[in-house]
């Protein structure tokens, strides 16, 4: 159960970073790729935005 809570928190962190970068709030229900392939949407939010963009090695603009 702890693992599931961690994944949700990681997804939420990635979602918040994406919203900060784009200036657009996420909306429900999902559309486009997120509706067609929810696994990809989960992967992008958790790994690209939460894992990579959350690091402080480079600025968001440098990425």
C-alpha atoms as a PDB file:
ATOM      1  CA  UNK A   1       0.000   0.000   0.000  1.00  0.00           C
ATOM      2  CA  UNK A   2       2.869   2.411   0.724  1.00  0.00           C
ATOM      3  CA  UNK A   3       4.176   1.940  -2.811  1.00  0.00           C
ATOM      4  CA  UNK A   4       0.846   3.045  -4.260  1.00  0.00           C
ATOM      5  CA  UNK A   5       0.839   6.192  -2.104  1.00  0.00           C
ATOM      6  CA  UNK A   6       4.372   6.978  -3.283  1.00  0.00           C
ATOM      7  CA  UNK A   7       3.378   6.571  -6.921  1.00  0.00           C
ATOM      8  CA  UNK A   8       0.395   8.882  -6.498  1.00  0.00           C
ATOM      9  CA  UNK A   9       2.554  11.499  -4.793  1.00  0.00           C
ATOM     10  CA  UNK A  10       5.154  11.215  -7.577  1.00  0.00           C
ATOM     11  CA  UNK A  11       2.447  11.618 -10.220  1.00  0.00           C
ATOM     12  CA  UNK A  12       1.087  14.696  -8.451  1.00  0.00           C
ATOM     13  CA  UNK A  13       4.570  16.234  -8.253  1.00  0.00           C
ATOM     14  CA  UNK A  14       5.064  15.661 -11.976  1.00  0.00           C
ATOM     15  CA  UNK A  15       1.639  17.101 -12.751  1.00  0.00           C
ATOM     16  CA  UNK A  16       2.408  20.234 -10.727  1.00  0.00           C
ATOM     17  CA  UNK A  17       5.745  20.739 -12.514  1.00  0.00           C
ATOM     18  CA  UNK A  18       4.100  20.303 -15.926  1.00  0.00           C
ATOM     19  CA  UNK A  19       1.422  22.844 -15.014  1.00  0.00           C
ATOM     20  CA  UNK A  20       4.109  25.261 -13.830  1.00  0.00           C
ATOM     21  CA  UNK A  21       6.084  24.881 -17.070  1.00  0.00           C
ATOM     22  CA  UNK A  22       3.136  25.199 -19.435  1.00  0.00           C
ATOM     23  CA  UNK A  23       0.994  27.594 -17.426  1.00  0.00           C
ATOM     24  CA  UNK A  24      -2.008  25.389 -18.206  1.00  0.00           C
ATOM     25  CA  UNK A  25      -3.957  23.526 -15.539  1.00  0.00           C
ATOM     26  CA  UNK A  26      -4.649  19.845 -16.162  1.00  0.00           C
ATOM     27  CA  UNK A  27      -8.277  19.061 -16.830  1.00  0.00           C
ATOM     28  CA  UNK A  28     -10.449  16.009 -16.464  1.00  0.00           C
ATOM     29  CA  UNK A  29     -11.528  13.984 -18.291  1.00  0.00           C
ATOM     30  CA  UNK A  30      -8.256  13.289 -20.060  1.00  0.00           C
ATOM     31  CA  UNK A  31      -8.023  13.850 -23.801  1.00  0.00           C
ATOM     32  CA  UNK A  32      -5.535  13.079 -26.550  1.00  0.00           C
ATOM     33  CA  UNK A  33      -2.650  10.769 -25.718  1.00  0.00           C
ATOM     34  CA  UNK A  34      -3.561  10.727 -22.000  1.00  0.00           C
ATOM     35  CA  UNK A  35      -6.978   9.220 -22.768  1.00  0.00           C
ATOM     36  CA  UNK A  36      -5.662   6.878 -25.462  1.00  0.00           C
ATOM     37  CA  UNK A  37      -2.615   5.632 -23.517  1.00  0.00           C
ATOM     38  CA  UNK A  38      -2.949   6.341 -19.782  1.00  0.00           C
ATOM     39  CA  UNK A  39       0.192   4.315 -19.045  1.00  0.00           C
ATOM     40  CA  UNK A  40       2.263   6.726 -21.126  1.00  0.00           C
ATOM     41  CA  UNK A  41       0.694   9.686 -19.352  1.00  0.00           C
ATOM     42  CA  UNK A  42       1.589   8.138 -15.989  1.00  0.00           C
ATOM     43  CA  UNK A  43       5.156   7.429 -17.153  1.00  0.00           C
ATOM     44  CA  UNK A  44       5.690  10.977 -18.452  1.00  0.00           C
ATOM     45  CA  UNK A  45       4.389  12.654 -15.306  1.00  0.00           C
ATOM     46  CA  UNK A  46       6.320  10.381 -12.922  1.00  0.00           C
ATOM     47  CA  UNK A  47       9.615  10.004 -14.725  1.00  0.00           C
ATOM     48  CA  UNK A  48      10.054  12.984 -17.014  1.00  0.00           C
ATOM     49  CA  UNK A  49       8.541  15.686 -14.883  1.00  0.00           C
ATOM     50  CA  UNK A  50       8.852  14.323 -11.315  1.00  0.00           C
ATOM     51  CA  UNK A  51      12.227  12.550 -11.616  1.00  0.00           C
ATOM     52  CA  UNK A  52      14.050  14.714 -14.145  1.00  0.00           C
ATOM     53  CA  UNK A  53      12.544  18.199 -13.990  1.00  0.00           C
ATOM     54  CA  UNK A  54      12.423  18.131 -10.186  1.00  0.00           C
ATOM     55  CA  UNK A  55      16.224  17.869 -10.000  1.00  0.00           C
ATOM     56  CA  UNK A  56      18.119  21.086  -9.476  1.00  0.00           C
ATOM     57  CA  UNK A  57      21.138  20.289 -11.664  1.00  0.00           C
ATOM     58  CA  UNK A  58      19.818  22.286 -14.639  1.00  0.00           C
ATOM     59  CA  UNK A  59      17.192  24.983 -14.829  1.00  0.00           C
ATOM     60  CA  UNK A  60      13.964  24.214 -16.646  1.00  0.00           C
ATOM     61  CA  UNK A  61      15.068  26.455 -19.529  1.00  0.00           C
ATOM     62  CA  UNK A  62      18.393  24.592 -19.862  1.00  0.00           C
ATOM     63  CA  UNK A  63      16.586  21.292 -20.265  1.00  0.00           C
END
